[in-house]
All heavy atoms as atom14 arrays in JSON, in Angstrom:
{
  "sequence": "SRLRRVLEADPRLARELRSLLDDEITPVLPAPERARVETLV",
  "atom14_mask": [
    [1, 1, 1, 1, 1, 1, 0, 0, 0, 0, 0, 0, 0, 0],
    [1, 1, 1, 1, 1, 1, 1, 1, 1, 1, 1, 0, 0, 0],
    [1, 1, 1, 1, 1, 1, 1, 1, 0, 0, 0, 0, 0, 0],
    [1, 1, 1, 1, 1, 1, 1, 1, 1, 1, 1, 0, 0, 0],
    [1, 1, 1, 1, 1, 1, 1, 1, 1, 1, 1, 0, 0, 0],
    [1, 1, 1, 1, 1, 1, 1, 0, 0, 0, 0, 0, 0, 0],
    [1, 1, 1, 1, 1, 1, 1, 1, 0, 0, 0, 0, 0, 0],
    [1, 1, 1, 1, 1, 1, 1, 1, 1, 0, 0, 0, 0, 0],
    [1, 1, 1, 1, 1, 0, 0, 0, 0, 0, 0, 0, 0, 0],
    [1, 1, 1, 1, 1, 1, 1, 1, 0, 0, 0, 0, 0, 0],
    [1, 1, 1, 1, 1, 1, 1, 0, 0, 0, 0, 0, 0, 0],
    [1, 1, 1, 1, 1, 1, 1, 1, 1, 1, 1, 0, 0, 0],
    [1, 1, 1, 1, 1, 1, 1, 1, 0, 0, 0, 0, 0, 0],
    [1, 1, 1, 1, 1, 0, 0, 0, 0, 0, 0, 0, 0, 0],
    [1, 1, 1, 1, 1, 1, 1, 1, 1, 1, 1, 0, 0, 0],
    [1, 1, 1, 1, 1, 1, 1, 1, 1, 0, 0, 0, 0, 0],
    [1, 1, 1, 1, 1, 1, 1, 1, 0, 0, 0, 0, 0, 0],
    [1, 1, 1, 1, 1, 1, 1, 1, 1, 1, 1, 0, 0, 0],
    [1, 1, 1, 1, 1, 1, 0, 0, 0, 0, 0, 0, 0, 0],
    [1, 1, 1, 1, 1, 1, 1, 1, 0, 0, 0, 0, 0, 0],
    [1, 1, 1, 1, 1, 1, 1, 1, 0, 0, 0, 0, 0, 0],
    [1, 1, 1, 1, 1, 1, 1, 1, 0, 0, 0, 0, 0, 0],
    [1, 1, 1, 1, 1, 1, 1, 1, 0, 0, 0, 0, 0, 0],
    [1, 1, 1, 1, 1, 1, 1, 1, 1, 0, 0, 0, 0, 0],
    [1, 1, 1, 1, 1, 1, 1, 1, 0, 0, 0, 0, 0, 0],
    [1, 1, 1, 1, 1, 1, 1, 0, 0, 0, 0, 0, 0, 0],
    [1, 1, 1, 1, 1, 1, 1, 0, 0, 0, 0, 0, 0, 0],
    [1, 1, 1, 1, 1, 1, 1, 0, 0, 0, 0, 0, 0, 0],
    [1, 1, 1, 1, 1, 1, 1, 1, 0, 0, 0, 0, 0, 0],
    [1, 1, 1, 1, 1, 1, 1, 0, 0, 0, 0, 0, 0, 0],
    [1, 1, 1, 1, 1, 0, 0, 0, 0, 0, 0, 0, 0, 0],
    [1, 1, 1, 1, 1, 1, 1, 0, 0, 0, 0, 0, 0, 0],
    [1, 1, 1, 1, 1, 1, 1, 1, 1, 0, 0, 0, 0, 0],
    [1, 1, 1, 1, 1, 1, 1, 1, 1, 1, 1, 0, 0, 0],
    [1, 1, 1, 1, 1, 0, 0, 0, 0, 0, 0, 0, 0, 0],
    [1, 1, 1, 1, 1, 1, 1, 1, 1, 1, 1, 0, 0, 0],
    [1, 1, 1, 1, 1, 1, 1, 0, 0, 0, 0, 0, 0, 0],
    [1, 1, 1, 1, 1, 1, 1, 1, 1, 0, 0, 0, 0, 0],
    [1, 1, 1, 1, 1, 1, 1, 0, 0, 0, 0, 0, 0, 0],
    [1, 1, 1, 1, 1, 1, 1, 1, 0, 0, 0, 0, 0, 0],
    [1, 1, 1, 1, 1, 1, 1, 0, 0, 0, 0, 0, 0, 0]
  ],
  "atom14_positions": [
    [[0.84, -1.22, 0.0], [0.0, 0.0, 0.0], [0.86, 1.25, 0.0], [0.56, 2.22, -0.72], [-0.92, 0.01, 1.22], [-1.84, -1.04, 1.14], [0.0, 0.0, 0.0], [0.0, 0.0, 0.0], [0.0, 0.0, 0.0], [0.0, 0.0, 0.0], [0.0, 0.0, 0.0], [0.0, 0.0, 0.0], [0.0, 0.0, 0.0], [0.0, 0.0, 0.0]],
    [[1.9, 1.25, 0.79], [2.8, 2.41, 0.83], [3.43, 2.66, -0.54], [3.48, 3.8, -1.01], [3.91, 2.2, 1.86], [3.46, 2.24, 3.29], [4.62, 1.81, 4.2], [4.25, 1.75, 5.58], [4.68, 2.61, 6.51], [5.5, 3.57, 6.19], [4.29, 2.48, 7.76], [0.0, 0.0, 0.0], [0.0, 0.0, 0.0], [0.0, 0.0, 0.0]],
    [[3.92, 1.58, -1.15], [4.55, 1.71, -2.46], [3.54, 2.14, -3.52], [3.85, 2.96, -4.39], [5.22, 0.39, -2.85], [6.44, 0.03, -2.01], [6.81, -1.43, -2.21], [7.61, 0.94, -2.34], [0.0, 0.0, 0.0], [0.0, 0.0, 0.0], [0.0, 0.0, 0.0], [0.0, 0.0, 0.0], [0.0, 0.0, 0.0], [0.0, 0.0, 0.0]],
    [[2.34, 1.61, -3.45], [1.29, 1.98, -4.41], [1.0, 3.48, -4.35], [0.87, 4.14, -5.37], [0.01, 1.18, -4.15], [-1.11, 1.5, -5.15], [-2.34, 0.63, -4.95], [-2.04, -0.75, -5.36], [-1.92, -1.77, -4.51], [-2.1, -1.61, -3.22], [-1.64, -2.98, -4.95], [0.0, 0.0, 0.0], [0.0, 0.0, 0.0], [0.0, 0.0, 0.0]],
    [[0.91, 4.01, -3.13], [0.64, 5.46, -2.99], [1.75, 6.3, -3.62], [1.48, 7.31, -4.26], [0.45, 5.81, -1.52], [-0.89, 5.36, -0.96], [-1.17, 5.95, 0.41], [-0.21, 5.55, 1.43], [-0.29, 4.46, 2.18], [-1.31, 3.62, 2.02], [0.61, 4.21, 3.09], [0.0, 0.0, 0.0], [0.0, 0.0, 0.0], [0.0, 0.0, 0.0]],
    [[2.99, 5.87, -3.45], [4.11, 6.62, -4.04], [4.01, 6.59, -5.56], [4.14, 7.62, -6.23], [5.47, 6.05, -3.58], [6.61, 6.69, -4.35], [5.66, 6.27, -2.08], [0.0, 0.0, 0.0], [0.0, 0.0, 0.0], [0.0, 0.0, 0.0], [0.0, 0.0, 0.0], [0.0, 0.0, 0.0], [0.0, 0.0, 0.0], [0.0, 0.0, 0.0]],
    [[3.75, 5.41, -6.12], [3.68, 5.3, -7.58], [2.44, 5.96, -8.16], [2.48, 6.47, -9.28], [3.76, 3.84, -8.02], [5.09, 3.15, -7.76], [5.09, 1.76, -8.36], [6.27, 3.95, -8.27], [0.0, 0.0, 0.0], [0.0, 0.0, 0.0], [0.0, 0.0, 0.0], [0.0, 0.0, 0.0], [0.0, 0.0, 0.0], [0.0, 0.0, 0.0]],
    [[1.34, 5.97, -7.42], [0.15, 6.67, -7.9], [0.41, 8.17, -7.98], [-0.07, 8.84, -8.89], [-1.05, 6.38, -7.01], [-1.63, 5.0, -7.24], [-2.72, 4.62, -6.24], [-2.92, 5.34, -5.23], [-3.37, 3.58, -6.46], [0.0, 0.0, 0.0], [0.0, 0.0, 0.0], [0.0, 0.0, 0.0], [0.0, 0.0, 0.0], [0.0, 0.0, 0.0]],
    [[1.18, 8.68, -7.04], [1.51, 10.11, -7.05], [2.49, 10.45, -8.16], [2.44, 11.55, -8.72], [2.08, 10.52, -5.7], [0.0, 0.0, 0.0], [0.0, 0.0, 0.0], [0.0, 0.0, 0.0], [0.0, 0.0, 0.0], [0.0, 0.0, 0.0], [0.0, 0.0, 0.0], [0.0, 0.0, 0.0], [0.0, 0.0, 0.0], [0.0, 0.0, 0.0]],
    [[3.38, 9.51, -8.49], [4.36, 9.75, -9.55], [4.7, 8.43, -10.24], [5.65, 7.75, -9.85], [5.63, 10.39, -8.98], [6.58, 10.85, -10.06], [6.36, 10.53, -11.25], [7.58, 11.52, -9.72], [0.0, 0.0, 0.0], [0.0, 0.0, 0.0], [0.0, 0.0, 0.0], [0.0, 0.0, 0.0], [0.0, 0.0, 0.0], [0.0, 0.0, 0.0]],
    [[3.94, 8.06, -11.26], [4.16, 6.78, -11.95], [5.55, 6.66, -12.58], [6.01, 5.55, -12.85], [3.08, 6.77, -13.04], [2.04, 7.71, -12.57], [2.76, 8.76, -11.77], [0.0, 0.0, 0.0], [0.0, 0.0, 0.0], [0.0, 0.0, 0.0], [0.0, 0.0, 0.0], [0.0, 0.0, 0.0], [0.0, 0.0, 0.0], [0.0, 0.0, 0.0]],
    [[6.22, 7.78, -12.8], [7.57, 7.72, -13.39], [8.56, 7.01, -12.47], [9.6, 6.55, -12.92], [8.07, 9.13, -13.7], [7.24, 9.83, -14.77], [7.63, 11.26, -14.92], [7.39, 11.92, -13.62], [7.76, 13.16, -13.33], [8.39, 13.88, -14.21], [7.49, 13.68, -12.15], [0.0, 0.0, 0.0], [0.0, 0.0, 0.0], [0.0, 0.0, 0.0]],
    [[8.22, 6.89, -11.19], [9.12, 6.23, -10.24], [9.1, 4.71, -10.38], [9.91, 4.02, -9.75], [8.76, 6.63, -8.81], [9.02, 8.09, -8.47], [8.36, 8.44, -7.14], [10.5, 8.35, -8.43], [0.0, 0.0, 0.0], [0.0, 0.0, 0.0], [0.0, 0.0, 0.0], [0.0, 0.0, 0.0], [0.0, 0.0, 0.0], [0.0, 0.0, 0.0]],
    [[8.2, 4.19, -11.18], [8.09, 2.74, -11.35], [9.39, 2.14, -11.88], [9.81, 1.06, -11.46], [6.93, 2.39, -12.27], [0.0, 0.0, 0.0], [0.0, 0.0, 0.0], [0.0, 0.0, 0.0], [0.0, 0.0, 0.0], [0.0, 0.0, 0.0], [0.0, 0.0, 0.0], [0.0, 0.0, 0.0], [0.0, 0.0, 0.0], [0.0, 0.0, 0.0]],
    [[10.04, 2.82, -12.8], [11.29, 2.3, -13.37], [12.36, 2.18, -12.27], [13.06, 1.19, -12.18], [11.78, 3.2, -14.49], [13.13, 2.75, -15.05], [13.55, 3.54, -16.25], [12.83, 2.98, -17.4], [12.36, 3.7, -18.39], [12.53, 4.99, -18.42], [11.73, 3.13, -19.38], [0.0, 0.0, 0.0], [0.0, 0.0, 0.0], [0.0, 0.0, 0.0]],
    [[12.45, 3.19, -11.42], [13.42, 3.14, -10.31], [13.06, 2.05, -9.31], [13.94, 1.39, -8.78], [13.49, 4.49, -9.6], [14.31, 5.53, -10.3], [14.47, 6.76, -9.43], [14.8, 6.62, -8.24], [14.25, 7.86, -9.95], [0.0, 0.0, 0.0], [0.0, 0.0, 0.0], [0.0, 0.0, 0.0], [0.0, 0.0, 0.0], [0.0, 0.0, 0.0]],
    [[11.76, 1.89, -9.05], [11.33, 0.84, -8.13], [11.67, -0.53, -8.71], [12.12, -1.42, -7.99], [9.84, 0.95, -7.82], [9.29, -0.1, -6.85], [10.0, -0.05, -5.5], [7.79, 0.09, -6.67], [0.0, 0.0, 0.0], [0.0, 0.0, 0.0], [0.0, 0.0, 0.0], [0.0, 0.0, 0.0], [0.0, 0.0, 0.0], [0.0, 0.0, 0.0]],
    [[11.47, -0.7, -10.0], [11.81, -1.97, -10.65], [13.31, -2.25, -10.5], [13.72, -3.36, -10.19], [11.4, -1.93, -12.13], [11.9, -3.08, -12.99], [11.57, -4.45, -12.48], [10.18, -4.75, -12.5], [9.64, -5.84, -11.95], [10.39, -6.73, -11.34], [8.35, -6.05, -11.98], [0.0, 0.0, 0.0], [0.0, 0.0, 0.0], [0.0, 0.0, 0.0]],
    [[14.14, -1.23, -10.7], [15.59, -1.4, -10.53], [15.95, -1.75, -9.09], [16.79, -2.62, -8.84], [16.34, -0.13, -10.94], [16.19, 0.09, -12.32], [0.0, 0.0, 0.0], [0.0, 0.0, 0.0], [0.0, 0.0, 0.0], [0.0, 0.0, 0.0], [0.0, 0.0, 0.0], [0.0, 0.0, 0.0], [0.0, 0.0, 0.0], [0.0, 0.0, 0.0]],
    [[15.31, -1.07, -8.15], [15.53, -1.37, -6.73], [15.18, -2.83, -6.45], [15.95, -3.54, -5.8], [14.69, -0.43, -5.86], [14.64, -0.74, -4.36], [16.0, -0.49, -3.73], [13.56, 0.11, -3.69], [0.0, 0.0, 0.0], [0.0, 0.0, 0.0], [0.0, 0.0, 0.0], [0.0, 0.0, 0.0], [0.0, 0.0, 0.0], [0.0, 0.0, 0.0]],
    [[14.05, -3.26, -6.94], [13.61, -4.63, -6.72], [14.58, -5.62, -7.35], [15.04, -6.56, -6.69], [12.2, -4.82, -7.31], [11.61, -6.21, -7.23], [11.43, -6.64, -5.78], [10.29, -6.25, -7.98], [0.0, 0.0, 0.0], [0.0, 0.0, 0.0], [0.0, 0.0, 0.0], [0.0, 0.0, 0.0], [0.0, 0.0, 0.0], [0.0, 0.0, 0.0]],
    [[14.92, -5.41, -8.62], [15.75, -6.36, -9.34], [17.21, -6.37, -8.89], [17.84, -7.43, -8.84], [15.7, -6.07, -10.85], [14.34, -6.34, -11.45], [13.52, -7.03, -10.81], [14.09, -5.85, -12.58], [0.0, 0.0, 0.0], [0.0, 0.0, 0.0], [0.0, 0.0, 0.0], [0.0, 0.0, 0.0], [0.0, 0.0, 0.0], [0.0, 0.0, 0.0]],
    [[17.74, -5.19, -8.57], [19.17, -5.07, -8.3], [19.55, -5.15, -6.83], [20.66, -5.57, -6.5], [19.71, -3.75, -8.87], [19.5, -3.62, -10.36], [19.33, -4.67, -11.03], [19.49, -2.49, -10.87], [0.0, 0.0, 0.0], [0.0, 0.0, 0.0], [0.0, 0.0, 0.0], [0.0, 0.0, 0.0], [0.0, 0.0, 0.0], [0.0, 0.0, 0.0]],
    [[18.65, -4.73, -5.95], [19.02, -4.62, -4.54], [18.26, -5.59, -3.62], [18.85, -6.11, -2.68], [18.76, -3.19, -4.04], [19.48, -2.11, -4.81], [20.97, -2.09, -4.58], [21.44, -2.61, -3.54], [21.68, -1.56, -5.45], [0.0, 0.0, 0.0], [0.0, 0.0, 0.0], [0.0, 0.0, 0.0], [0.0, 0.0, 0.0], [0.0, 0.0, 0.0]],
    [[16.99, -5.77, -3.86], [16.19, -6.54, -2.9], [16.09, -8.02, -3.26], [16.41, -8.88, -2.46], [14.78, -5.93, -2.75], [14.88, -4.47, -2.31], [13.97, -6.71, -1.72], [13.58, -3.72, -2.32], [0.0, 0.0, 0.0], [0.0, 0.0, 0.0], [0.0, 0.0, 0.0], [0.0, 0.0, 0.0], [0.0, 0.0, 0.0], [0.0, 0.0, 0.0]],
    [[15.66, -8.31, -4.48], [15.48, -9.71, -4.87], [16.76, -10.54, -4.72], [16.69, -11.67, -4.25], [14.92, -9.8, -6.31], [13.69, -9.08, -6.36], [14.67, -11.24, -6.71], [0.0, 0.0, 0.0], [0.0, 0.0, 0.0], [0.0, 0.0, 0.0], [0.0, 0.0, 0.0], [0.0, 0.0, 0.0], [0.0, 0.0, 0.0], [0.0, 0.0, 0.0]],
    [[17.93, -10.02, -5.07], [19.14, -10.85, -4.94], [19.46, -11.3, -3.51], [20.14, -12.31, -3.33], [20.26, -9.94, -5.48], [19.57, -9.01, -6.41], [18.22, -8.76, -5.78], [0.0, 0.0, 0.0], [0.0, 0.0, 0.0], [0.0, 0.0, 0.0], [0.0, 0.0, 0.0], [0.0, 0.0, 0.0], [0.0, 0.0, 0.0], [0.0, 0.0, 0.0]],
    [[18.96, -10.61, -2.49], [19.27, -11.02, -1.11], [18.28, -12.06, -0.58], [18.49, -12.63, 0.48], [19.33, -9.82, -0.13], [20.29, -8.76, -0.63], [17.96, -9.24, 0.15], [0.0, 0.0, 0.0], [0.0, 0.0, 0.0], [0.0, 0.0, 0.0], [0.0, 0.0, 0.0], [0.0, 0.0, 0.0], [0.0, 0.0, 0.0], [0.0, 0.0, 0.0]],
    [[17.22, -12.31, -1.33], [16.2, -13.25, -0.87], [16.64, -14.7, -1.11], [17.28, -15.0, -2.11], [14.89, -13.02, -1.63], [14.21, -11.67, -1.42], [13.01, -11.54, -2.35], [13.8, -11.49, 0.02], [0.0, 0.0, 0.0], [0.0, 0.0, 0.0], [0.0, 0.0, 0.0], [0.0, 0.0, 0.0], [0.0, 0.0, 0.0], [0.0, 0.0, 0.0]],
    [[16.26, -15.59, -0.2], [16.49, -17.02, -0.44], [15.68, -17.46, -1.67], [14.65, -16.86, -1.99], [15.97, -17.7, 0.82], [15.8, -16.62, 1.83], [15.65, -15.33, 1.09], [0.0, 0.0, 0.0], [0.0, 0.0, 0.0], [0.0, 0.0, 0.0], [0.0, 0.0, 0.0], [0.0, 0.0, 0.0], [0.0, 0.0, 0.0], [0.0, 0.0, 0.0]],
    [[16.11, -18.52, -2.31], [15.48, -18.98, -3.56], [13.96, -19.13, -3.48], [13.26, -18.68, -4.38], [16.14, -20.28, -4.02], [0.0, 0.0, 0.0], [0.0, 0.0, 0.0], [0.0, 0.0, 0.0], [0.0, 0.0, 0.0], [0.0, 0.0, 0.0], [0.0, 0.0, 0.0], [0.0, 0.0, 0.0], [0.0, 0.0, 0.0], [0.0, 0.0, 0.0]],
    [[13.4, -19.75, -2.43], [11.93, -19.89, -2.41], [11.21, -18.54, -2.4], [10.17, -18.37, -3.04], [11.65, -20.66, -1.12], [12.93, -21.33, -0.77], [14.01, -20.44, -1.3], [0.0, 0.0, 0.0], [0.0, 0.0, 0.0], [0.0, 0.0, 0.0], [0.0, 0.0, 0.0], [0.0, 0.0, 0.0], [0.0, 0.0, 0.0], [0.0, 0.0, 0.0]],
    [[11.77, -17.58, -1.68], [11.12, -16.25, -1.64], [11.35, -15.51, -2.95], [10.5, -14.74, -3.38], [11.64, -15.45, -0.46], [11.11, -16.0, 0.83], [11.4, -15.1, 1.99], [11.11, -13.89, 1.89], [11.89, -15.6, 3.0], [0.0, 0.0, 0.0], [0.0, 0.0, 0.0], [0.0, 0.0, 0.0], [0.0, 0.0, 0.0], [0.0, 0.0, 0.0]],
    [[12.5, -15.71, -3.55], [12.78, -15.08, -4.83], [11.74, -15.53, -5.85], [11.25, -14.73, -6.64], [14.18, -15.46, -5.3], [14.74, -14.52, -6.3], [16.2, -14.79, -6.63], [17.03, -14.85, -5.45], [17.91, -15.82, -5.2], [18.08, -16.81, -6.04], [18.64, -15.79, -4.1], [0.0, 0.0, 0.0], [0.0, 0.0, 0.0], [0.0, 0.0, 0.0]],
    [[11.38, -16.8, -5.81], [10.37, -17.33, -6.74], [9.01, -16.67, -6.51], [8.26, -16.44, -7.46], [10.27, -18.84, -6.59], [0.0, 0.0, 0.0], [0.0, 0.0, 0.0], [0.0, 0.0, 0.0], [0.0, 0.0, 0.0], [0.0, 0.0, 0.0], [0.0, 0.0, 0.0], [0.0, 0.0, 0.0], [0.0, 0.0, 0.0], [0.0, 0.0, 0.0]],
    [[8.67, -16.34, -5.25], [7.39, -15.68, -4.97], [7.36, -14.27, -5.52], [6.31, -13.74, -5.87], [7.15, -15.6, -3.46], [6.69, -16.88, -2.87], [6.31, -16.76, -1.42], [6.34, -15.44, -0.84], [6.45, -15.22, 0.46], [6.52, -16.2, 1.31], [6.46, -13.99, 0.93], [0.0, 0.0, 0.0], [0.0, 0.0, 0.0], [0.0, 0.0, 0.0]],
    [[8.53, -13.64, -5.59], [8.61, -12.25, -6.01], [8.71, -12.12, -7.52], [8.15, -11.2, -8.11], [9.82, -11.57, -5.33], [10.1, -10.22, -5.92], [9.59, -11.47, -3.84], [0.0, 0.0, 0.0], [0.0, 0.0, 0.0], [0.0, 0.0, 0.0], [0.0, 0.0, 0.0], [0.0, 0.0, 0.0], [0.0, 0.0, 0.0], [0.0, 0.0, 0.0]],
    [[9.42, -13.02, -8.14], [9.6, -12.95, -9.59], [8.34, -13.46, -10.25], [8.11, -14.65, -10.36], [10.82, -13.77, -10.01], [12.1, -13.19, -9.46], [13.31, -14.08, -9.68], [13.13, -15.3, -9.91], [14.41, -13.56, -9.62], [0.0, 0.0, 0.0], [0.0, 0.0, 0.0], [0.0, 0.0, 0.0], [0.0, 0.0, 0.0], [0.0, 0.0, 0.0]],
    [[7.51, -12.55, -10.65], [6.21, -12.92, -11.2], [6.21, -12.81, -12.72], [6.97, -12.04, -13.31], [5.1, -12.0, -10.65], [5.41, -10.66, -11.0], [4.96, -12.14, -9.16], [0.0, 0.0, 0.0], [0.0, 0.0, 0.0], [0.0, 0.0, 0.0], [0.0, 0.0, 0.0], [0.0, 0.0, 0.0], [0.0, 0.0, 0.0], [0.0, 0.0, 0.0]],
    [[5.37, -13.57, -13.31], [5.16, -13.53, -14.73], [3.71, -13.18, -14.96], [2.81, -13.86, -14.45], [5.48, -14.91, -15.33], [5.2, -15.1, -16.81], [6.1, -14.18, -17.63], [5.44, -16.54, -17.19], [0.0, 0.0, 0.0], [0.0, 0.0, 0.0], [0.0, 0.0, 0.0], [0.0, 0.0, 0.0], [0.0, 0.0, 0.0], [0.0, 0.0, 0.0]],
    [[3.47, -12.11, -15.67], [2.11, -11.7, -15.95], [1.87, -11.9, -17.44], [2.6, -11.38, -18.28], [1.89, -10.21, -15.57], [0.5, -9.76, -15.97], [2.16, -10.0, -14.11], [0.0, 0.0, 0.0], [0.0, 0.0, 0.0], [0.0, 0.0, 0.0], [0.0, 0.0, 0.0], [0.0, 0.0, 0.0], [0.0, 0.0, 0.0], [0.0, 0.0, 0.0]]
  ]
}
């Protein structure tokens, strides 16, 4: 919800959030949690 509010206020931040997710957060997760985060739509 917090992240949604930030992106609703400024959708241009989505690219930076994607980079944060891919480069900083997802790599520290254990494999099972990484699979929960890496979604395919």
